[in-house]
Amino acid sequence: MPNNKIPNRLINEKSSYLLQHAYNPVDWFAWSNEAFDKAKNEDKPIFLSNRIIKIT
């Protein structure tokens, strides 16, 4: 059960991977123009998390 009861913007995503982080207190963005515009306007880097799937 999440500790943070207020979801972030990822709560609106369809990806199960992103939804796992919807109650994380970090200001996450999905891959979008909004994310790139915010980073550019604030002169901040983009940190990319790439989901890795292991198939056995």
C-alpha atoms as a PDB file:
ATOM      1  CA  MET A   1       0.000   0.000   0.000  1.00  0.00           C
ATOM      2  CA  PRO A   2       1.401   3.421  -0.923  1.00  0.00           C
ATOM      3  CA  ASN A   3       2.459   5.739   1.894  1.00  0.00           C
ATOM      4  CA  ASN A   4       1.600   8.875  -0.064  1.00  0.00           C
ATOM      5  CA  LYS A   5      -2.188   9.111  -0.435  1.00  0.00           C
ATOM      6  CA  ILE A   6      -2.095  11.889  -3.021  1.00  0.00           C
ATOM      7  CA  PRO A   7      -1.318  10.655  -6.536  1.00  0.00           C
ATOM      8  CA  ASN A   8       0.982  12.497  -8.909  1.00  0.00           C
ATOM      9  CA  ARG A   9       0.258  13.080 -12.629  1.00  0.00           C
ATOM     10  CA  LEU A  10       1.165   9.466 -13.484  1.00  0.00           C
ATOM     11  CA  ILE A  11      -2.203   8.367 -12.102  1.00  0.00           C
ATOM     12  CA  ASN A  12      -3.656   9.349 -15.515  1.00  0.00           C
ATOM     13  CA  GLU A  13      -1.314   7.090 -17.500  1.00  0.00           C
ATOM     14  CA  LYS A  14      -2.274   3.712 -18.983  1.00  0.00           C
ATOM     15  CA  SER A  15       1.099   2.036 -18.582  1.00  0.00           C
ATOM     16  CA  SER A  16       1.223  -0.386 -15.660  1.00  0.00           C
ATOM     17  CA  TYR A  17       4.879   0.558 -15.200  1.00  0.00           C
ATOM     18  CA  LEU A  18       4.056   4.251 -14.805  1.00  0.00           C
ATOM     19  CA  LEU A  19       1.053   3.531 -12.605  1.00  0.00           C
ATOM     20  CA  GLN A  20       3.374   1.783 -10.147  1.00  0.00           C
ATOM     21  CA  HIS A  21       4.839   5.235  -9.452  1.00  0.00           C
ATOM     22  CA  ALA A  22       1.565   7.180  -9.285  1.00  0.00           C
ATOM     23  CA  TYR A  23       1.768   7.515  -5.499  1.00  0.00           C
ATOM     24  CA  ASN A  24       5.457   8.308  -5.396  1.00  0.00           C
ATOM     25  CA  PRO A  25       6.139  11.814  -3.987  1.00  0.00           C
ATOM     26  CA  VAL A  26       8.436  12.621  -6.935  1.00  0.00           C
ATOM     27  CA  ASP A  27       7.153  15.033  -9.597  1.00  0.00           C
ATOM     28  CA  TRP A  28       7.359  12.437 -12.388  1.00  0.00           C
ATOM     29  CA  PHE A  29       6.402  13.096 -16.001  1.00  0.00           C
ATOM     30  CA  ALA A  30       5.600  10.568 -18.674  1.00  0.00           C
ATOM     31  CA  TRP A  31       7.464  10.973 -21.991  1.00  0.00           C
ATOM     32  CA  SER A  32       5.740  14.078 -23.376  1.00  0.00           C
ATOM     33  CA  ASN A  33       6.154  17.563 -24.743  1.00  0.00           C
ATOM     34  CA  GLU A  34       5.082  18.853 -21.328  1.00  0.00           C
ATOM     35  CA  ALA A  35       8.129  17.192 -19.755  1.00  0.00           C
ATOM     36  CA  PHE A  36      10.524  18.591 -22.364  1.00  0.00           C
ATOM     37  CA  ASP A  37       9.005  22.078 -22.203  1.00  0.00           C
ATOM     38  CA  LYS A  38       9.279  22.161 -18.397  1.00  0.00           C
ATOM     39  CA  ALA A  39      12.908  21.009 -18.485  1.00  0.00           C
ATOM     40  CA  LYS A  40      13.780  23.579 -21.140  1.00  0.00           C
ATOM     41  CA  ASN A  41      11.992  26.437 -19.366  1.00  0.00           C
ATOM     42  CA  GLU A  42      13.676  25.579 -16.052  1.00  0.00           C
ATOM     43  CA  ASP A  43      17.049  24.808 -17.686  1.00  0.00           C
ATOM     44  CA  LYS A  44      17.086  21.338 -16.095  1.00  0.00           C
ATOM     45  CA  PRO A  45      18.220  17.966 -17.450  1.00  0.00           C
ATOM     46  CA  ILE A  46      15.874  15.087 -18.238  1.00  0.00           C
ATOM     47  CA  PHE A  47      16.470  11.864 -16.330  1.00  0.00           C
ATOM     48  CA  LEU A  48      15.179   8.928 -18.311  1.00  0.00           C
ATOM     49  CA  SER A  49      14.049   5.699 -16.718  1.00  0.00           C
ATOM     50  CA  ASN A  50      13.894   2.844 -19.179  1.00  0.00           C
ATOM     51  CA  ARG A  51      11.821  -0.176 -18.240  1.00  0.00           C
ATOM     52  CA  ILE A  52      13.797  -3.362 -18.717  1.00  0.00           C
ATOM     53  CA  ILE A  53      11.984  -6.650 -19.184  1.00  0.00           C
ATOM     54  CA  LYS A  54      13.764  -9.946 -18.692  1.00  0.00           C
ATOM     55  CA  ILE A  55      12.274 -12.806 -20.662  1.00  0.00           C
ATOM     56  CA  THR A  56      13.286 -16.247 -19.488  1.00  0.00           C
END
